[in-house]
C-alpha atoms as a PDB file:
ATOM      1  CA  MET A   1     -14.373  -8.314  -7.258  1.00  0.00           C
ATOM      2  CA  ALA A   2     -11.030  -9.390  -5.887  1.00  0.00           C
ATOM      3  CA  VAL A   3     -10.886  -9.177  -2.061  1.00  0.00           C
ATOM      4  CA  ARG A   4      -7.897 -10.391  -0.128  1.00  0.00           C
ATOM      5  CA  HIS A   5      -6.687  -9.931   3.441  1.00  0.00           C
ATOM      6  CA  ARG A   6      -3.606 -10.374   5.537  1.00  0.00           C
ATOM      7  CA  LEU A   7      -2.783 -10.065   9.141  1.00  0.00           C
ATOM      8  CA  ILE A   8       0.343  -7.815   9.451  1.00  0.00           C
ATOM      9  CA  LYS A   9       2.294  -8.106  12.713  1.00  0.00           C
ATOM     10  CA  ALA A  10       2.576  -4.370  13.089  1.00  0.00           C
ATOM     11  CA  SER A  11       0.262  -1.765  14.533  1.00  0.00           C
ATOM     12  CA  PRO A  12      -2.311  -0.084  12.272  1.00  0.00           C
ATOM     13  CA  ALA A  13      -0.362   3.195  12.793  1.00  0.00           C
ATOM     14  CA  ALA A  14       2.814   1.483  11.451  1.00  0.00           C
ATOM     15  CA  VAL A  15       0.941   0.183   8.423  1.00  0.00           C
ATOM     16  CA  TRP A  16      -0.648   3.532   7.768  1.00  0.00           C
ATOM     17  CA  GLU A  17       2.763   5.187   7.963  1.00  0.00           C
ATOM     18  CA  VAL A  18       3.891   3.100   5.021  1.00  0.00           C
ATOM     19  CA  LEU A  19       0.689   3.594   2.963  1.00  0.00           C
ATOM     20  CA  ALA A  20       0.767   7.379   3.647  1.00  0.00           C
ATOM     21  CA  ASP A  21       4.391   7.762   2.408  1.00  0.00           C
ATOM     22  CA  GLY A  22       4.043   8.257  -1.322  1.00  0.00           C
ATOM     23  CA  SER A  23       7.745   7.791  -1.788  1.00  0.00           C
ATOM     24  CA  ARG A  24       7.412   4.148  -0.632  1.00  0.00           C
ATOM     25  CA  TYR A  25       4.579   3.248  -3.095  1.00  0.00           C
ATOM     26  CA  SER A  26       6.797   1.234  -5.350  1.00  0.00           C
ATOM     27  CA  GLU A  27       8.194  -0.631  -2.339  1.00  0.00           C
ATOM     28  CA  TRP A  28       4.801  -2.448  -1.715  1.00  0.00           C
ATOM     29  CA  VAL A  29       2.905  -2.161  -5.010  1.00  0.00           C
ATOM     30  CA  VAL A  30       3.666  -5.045  -7.290  1.00  0.00           C
ATOM     31  CA  GLY A  31       4.840  -4.192 -10.771  1.00  0.00           C
ATOM     32  CA  THR A  32       5.904  -0.557 -10.117  1.00  0.00           C
ATOM     33  CA  SER A  33       9.409   0.538 -10.377  1.00  0.00           C
ATOM     34  CA  SER A  34       9.898   4.228  -9.515  1.00  0.00           C
ATOM     35  CA  ALA A  35       7.162   6.331  -7.980  1.00  0.00           C
ATOM     36  CA  SER A  36       7.010  10.106  -7.435  1.00  0.00           C
ATOM     37  CA  PRO A  37       4.378  12.616  -6.349  1.00  0.00           C
ATOM     38  CA  ARG A  38       2.426  14.313  -9.109  1.00  0.00           C
ATOM     39  CA  LEU A  39      -0.357  16.388  -7.517  1.00  0.00           C
ATOM     40  CA  GLY A  40      -1.282  17.358  -4.000  1.00  0.00           C
ATOM     41  CA  ARG A  41      -0.067  15.853  -0.755  1.00  0.00           C
ATOM     42  CA  TRP A  42      -0.335  12.053  -0.596  1.00  0.00           C
ATOM     43  CA  PRO A  43      -2.663  10.620   0.652  1.00  0.00           C
ATOM     44  CA  GLU A  44      -5.016  13.546   0.660  1.00  0.00           C
ATOM     45  CA  ARG A  45      -8.085  13.377  -1.650  1.00  0.00           C
ATOM     46  CA  GLU A  46      -7.185  13.942  -5.317  1.00  0.00           C
ATOM     47  CA  ALA A  47      -3.489  13.697  -4.673  1.00  0.00           C
ATOM     48  CA  SER A  48      -1.663  11.522  -7.216  1.00  0.00           C
ATOM     49  CA  ILE A  49       1.471   9.519  -7.697  1.00  0.00           C
ATOM     50  CA  GLY A  50       3.076   8.808 -11.044  1.00  0.00           C
ATOM     51  CA  TYR A  51       4.976   5.533 -11.410  1.00  0.00           C
ATOM     52  CA  GLN A  52       6.476   3.311 -14.068  1.00  0.00           C
ATOM     53  CA  VAL A  53       5.645  -0.255 -14.853  1.00  0.00           C
ATOM     54  CA  ARG A  54       8.323  -2.353 -16.607  1.00  0.00           C
ATOM     55  CA  LEU A  55       7.248  -4.698 -19.316  1.00  0.00           C
ATOM     56  CA  GLY A  56      10.373  -6.384 -20.522  1.00  0.00           C
ATOM     57  CA  PRO A  57      12.452  -3.689 -22.121  1.00  0.00           C
ATOM     58  CA  PHE A  58       9.519  -1.295 -22.107  1.00  0.00           C
ATOM     59  CA  ARG A  59       8.420   1.178 -19.434  1.00  0.00           C
ATOM     60  CA  VAL A  60       4.903   2.419 -19.189  1.00  0.00           C
ATOM     61  CA  GLY A  61       4.009   5.482 -17.157  1.00  0.00           C
ATOM     62  CA  ASN A  62       0.851   5.227 -15.023  1.00  0.00           C
ATOM     63  CA  GLU A  63      -0.792   7.211 -12.293  1.00  0.00           C
ATOM     64  CA  THR A  64      -2.749   6.472  -9.089  1.00  0.00           C
ATOM     65  CA  VAL A  65      -5.154   9.045  -7.658  1.00  0.00           C
ATOM     66  CA  VAL A  66      -6.506   9.057  -4.075  1.00  0.00           C
ATOM     67  CA  ARG A  67     -10.371   9.163  -4.274  1.00  0.00           C
ATOM     68  CA  HIS A  68     -11.094   8.795  -0.593  1.00  0.00           C
ATOM     69  CA  CYS A  69      -9.008   8.798   2.545  1.00  0.00           C
ATOM     70  CA  GLU A  70      -9.914   8.178   6.214  1.00  0.00           C
ATOM     71  CA  GLU A  71      -6.574   8.751   7.911  1.00  0.00           C
ATOM     72  CA  GLY A  72      -5.363   5.617   9.678  1.00  0.00           C
ATOM     73  CA  SER A  73      -8.028   3.303   8.448  1.00  0.00           C
ATOM     74  CA  LEU A  74      -9.083   3.558   4.761  1.00  0.00           C
ATOM     75  CA  LEU A  75      -7.397   4.522   1.528  1.00  0.00           C
ATOM     76  CA  GLU A  76      -9.372   4.318  -1.777  1.00  0.00           C
ATOM     77  CA  LEU A  77      -7.346   4.689  -4.886  1.00  0.00           C
ATOM     78  CA  GLU A  78      -8.063   4.835  -8.605  1.00  0.00           C
ATOM     79  CA  ALA A  79      -5.241   3.347 -10.624  1.00  0.00           C
ATOM     80  CA  HIS A  80      -4.926   4.456 -14.282  1.00  0.00           C
ATOM     81  CA  ALA A  81      -3.313   1.860 -16.447  1.00  0.00           C
ATOM     82  CA  GLY A  82      -3.386   3.360 -19.965  1.00  0.00           C
ATOM     83  CA  ILE A  83      -5.289   1.251 -22.441  1.00  0.00           C
ATOM     84  CA  LEU A  84      -6.106  -1.322 -19.737  1.00  0.00           C
ATOM     85  CA  GLY A  85      -8.343   1.281 -18.103  1.00  0.00           C
ATOM     86  CA  THR A  86      -8.843   2.143 -14.486  1.00  0.00           C
ATOM     87  CA  ALA A  87      -9.367   0.151 -11.312  1.00  0.00           C
ATOM     88  CA  ARG A  88     -10.675   0.983  -7.841  1.00  0.00           C
ATOM     89  CA  ILE A  89      -8.466  -0.292  -5.095  1.00  0.00           C
ATOM     90  CA  ALA A  90      -9.666   0.053  -1.428  1.00  0.00           C
ATOM     91  CA  ILE A  91      -7.260  -0.688   1.351  1.00  0.00           C
ATOM     92  CA  GLU A  92      -8.829  -0.957   4.815  1.00  0.00           C
ATOM     93  CA  LEU A  93      -6.911  -1.245   8.082  1.00  0.00           C
ATOM     94  CA  ARG A  94      -8.504  -2.918  11.174  1.00  0.00           C
ATOM     95  CA  GLU A  95      -6.998  -3.131  14.524  1.00  0.00           C
ATOM     96  CA  TRP A  96      -6.595  -6.834  15.337  1.00  0.00           C
ATOM     97  CA  GLY A  97      -5.261  -7.233  18.826  1.00  0.00           C
ATOM     98  CA  GLU A  98      -1.839  -5.658  18.645  1.00  0.00           C
ATOM     99  CA  HIS A  99      -1.635  -6.262  14.898  1.00  0.00           C
ATOM    100  CA  CYS A 100      -3.344  -4.914  11.810  1.00  0.00           C
ATOM    101  CA  LEU A 101      -5.726  -6.751   9.544  1.00  0.00           C
ATOM    102  CA  VAL A 102      -5.369  -5.346   6.048  1.00  0.00           C
ATOM    103  CA  ILE A 103      -8.199  -5.888   3.582  1.00  0.00           C
ATOM    104  CA  VAL A 104      -7.660  -5.071  -0.150  1.00  0.00           C
ATOM    105  CA  ASP A 105     -10.649  -4.882  -2.497  1.00  0.00           C
ATOM    106  CA  GLU A 106      -9.978  -4.189  -6.199  1.00  0.00           C
ATOM    107  CA  HIS A 107     -12.191  -4.147  -9.237  1.00  0.00           C
ATOM    108  CA  PRO A 108     -12.015  -2.579 -12.731  1.00  0.00           C
ATOM    109  CA  LEU A 109     -13.921   0.610 -13.389  1.00  0.00           C
ATOM    110  CA  GLN A 110     -13.338   1.469 -17.098  1.00  0.00           C
ATOM    111  CA  GLY A 111     -11.530   0.359 -20.175  1.00  0.00           C
ATOM    112  CA  ALA A 112     -10.260  -3.057 -21.320  1.00  0.00           C
ATOM    113  CA  GLY A 113      -9.847  -4.295 -17.737  1.00  0.00           C
ATOM    114  CA  GLY A 114     -13.578  -3.978 -17.154  1.00  0.00           C
ATOM    115  CA  ALA A 115     -14.400  -5.555 -20.518  1.00  0.00           C
ATOM    116  CA  LEU A 116     -12.013  -8.502 -20.005  1.00  0.00           C
ATOM    117  CA  HIS A 117     -12.902  -9.029 -16.356  1.00  0.00           C
ATOM    118  CA  ASN A 118     -13.595 -12.696 -15.758  1.00  0.00           C
ATOM    119  CA  VAL A 119     -12.716 -15.547 -13.388  1.00  0.00           C
ATOM    120  CA  GLY A 120      -9.180 -15.956 -14.889  1.00  0.00           C
ATOM    121  CA  PHE A 121      -8.558 -12.215 -14.547  1.00  0.00           C
ATOM    122  CA  GLU A 122      -9.891 -12.349 -11.005  1.00  0.00           C
ATOM    123  CA  ALA A 123      -7.316 -15.161 -10.251  1.00  0.00           C
ATOM    124  CA  LEU A 124      -4.427 -13.012 -11.523  1.00  0.00           C
ATOM    125  CA  ILE A 125      -5.511 -10.136  -9.341  1.00  0.00           C
ATOM    126  CA  GLN A 126      -5.604 -12.501  -6.309  1.00  0.00           C
ATOM    127  CA  LEU A 127      -1.988 -13.558  -7.026  1.00  0.00           C
ATOM    128  CA  ARG A 128      -0.948  -9.958  -7.410  1.00  0.00           C
ATOM    129  CA  HIS A 129      -2.636  -9.020  -4.081  1.00  0.00           C
ATOM    130  CA  ARG A 130      -0.995 -11.944  -2.293  1.00  0.00           C
ATOM    131  CA  ALA A 131       2.453 -10.639  -3.413  1.00  0.00           C
ATOM    132  CA  MET A 132       1.474  -7.006  -2.674  1.00  0.00           C
ATOM    133  CA  LEU A 133       0.317  -7.752   0.833  1.00  0.00           C
ATOM    134  CA  ALA A 134       3.450  -9.813   1.532  1.00  0.00           C
ATOM    135  CA  ARG A 135       5.573  -6.811   0.394  1.00  0.00           C
ATOM    136  CA  LEU A 136       3.488  -4.418   2.520  1.00  0.00           C
ATOM    137  CA  ALA A 137       3.884  -6.789   5.555  1.00  0.00           C
ATOM    138  CA  ARG A 138       7.650  -6.929   5.050  1.00  0.00           C
ATOM    139  CA  ALA A 139       7.882  -3.164   4.961  1.00  0.00           C
ATOM    140  CA  CYS A 140       5.751  -2.673   8.043  1.00  0.00           C
ATOM    141  CA  GLU A 141       7.077  -5.536  10.147  1.00  0.00           C
ATOM    142  CA  ASP A 142      10.700  -4.605   9.372  1.00  0.00           C
ATOM    143  CA  GLY A 143       9.873  -1.019  10.493  1.00  0.00           C
ATOM    144  CA  GLU A 144       8.287  -2.283  13.765  1.00  0.00           C
ATOM    145  CA  ARG A 145      11.397  -4.397  14.428  1.00  0.00           C
ATOM    146  CA  ASP A 146      13.712  -1.442  13.766  1.00  0.00           C
ATOM    147  CA  ARG A 147      11.683   0.798  16.053  1.00  0.00           C
ATOM    148  CA  GLY A 148      11.733  -1.947  18.778  1.00  0.00           C
ATOM    149  CA  ARG A 149      15.498  -2.307  18.584  1.00  0.00           C
ATOM    150  CA  ALA A 150      15.979   1.469  18.743  1.00  0.00           C
ATOM    151  CA  ALA A 151      13.670   1.740  21.816  1.00  0.00           C
ATOM    152  CA  ARG A 152      15.691  -0.953  23.586  1.00  0.00           C
ATOM    153  CA  ARG A 153      18.923   1.014  22.885  1.00  0.00           C
ATOM    154  CA  LEU A 154      17.632   4.243  24.461  1.00  0.00           C
ATOM    155  CA  PRO A 155      18.978   4.955  27.964  1.00  0.00           C
ATOM    156  CA  ARG A 156      16.356   4.518  30.673  1.00  0.00           C
ATOM    157  CA  SER A 157      15.447   7.502  32.754  1.00  0.00           C
ATOM    158  CA  GLY A 158      15.510   7.431  36.537  1.00  0.00           C
ATOM    159  CA  GLY A 159      18.922   5.764  36.539  1.00  0.00           C
ATOM    160  CA  THR A 160      21.522   5.919  39.332  1.00  0.00           C
ATOM    161  CA  ARG A 161      22.113   8.994  41.437  1.00  0.00           C
ATOM    162  CA  HIS A 162      25.455  10.603  41.648  1.00  0.00           C
ATOM    163  CA  ALA A 163      26.552  12.106  44.994  1.00  0.00           C
END
């Protein structure tokens, strides 16, 4: 079972905003190119996103389904990867001061991924998670900075009086 965590310098609400936007899936999930909604409203239970994975000149279509969602704190997904099988991916958000601790837990469920699961496979998943959490952090922290800049540009109320 591959478990990895990262402290993201953004609020849990900002992180959830990125996770809950299905159109941004390929922005933070390593290996995906284009993503689009398939069924339901992401991230509601049983909603799904279709996406493509590029393998050199080849593109393989895959799908991820929401199996459990606790808005703002937990998203459990089942990733379907064709002949490789399926995997459970749980993403938990915890408030950590003013930031968000993100914990990702992934393990294979069915297919070749489960049969081939070993220490080497686990190491590859850890590397993928490190890259995925870095991409998620970038997306969330950039958004927080943009919101901060926009807030500083807003005119303050209670300004000067005019006679």
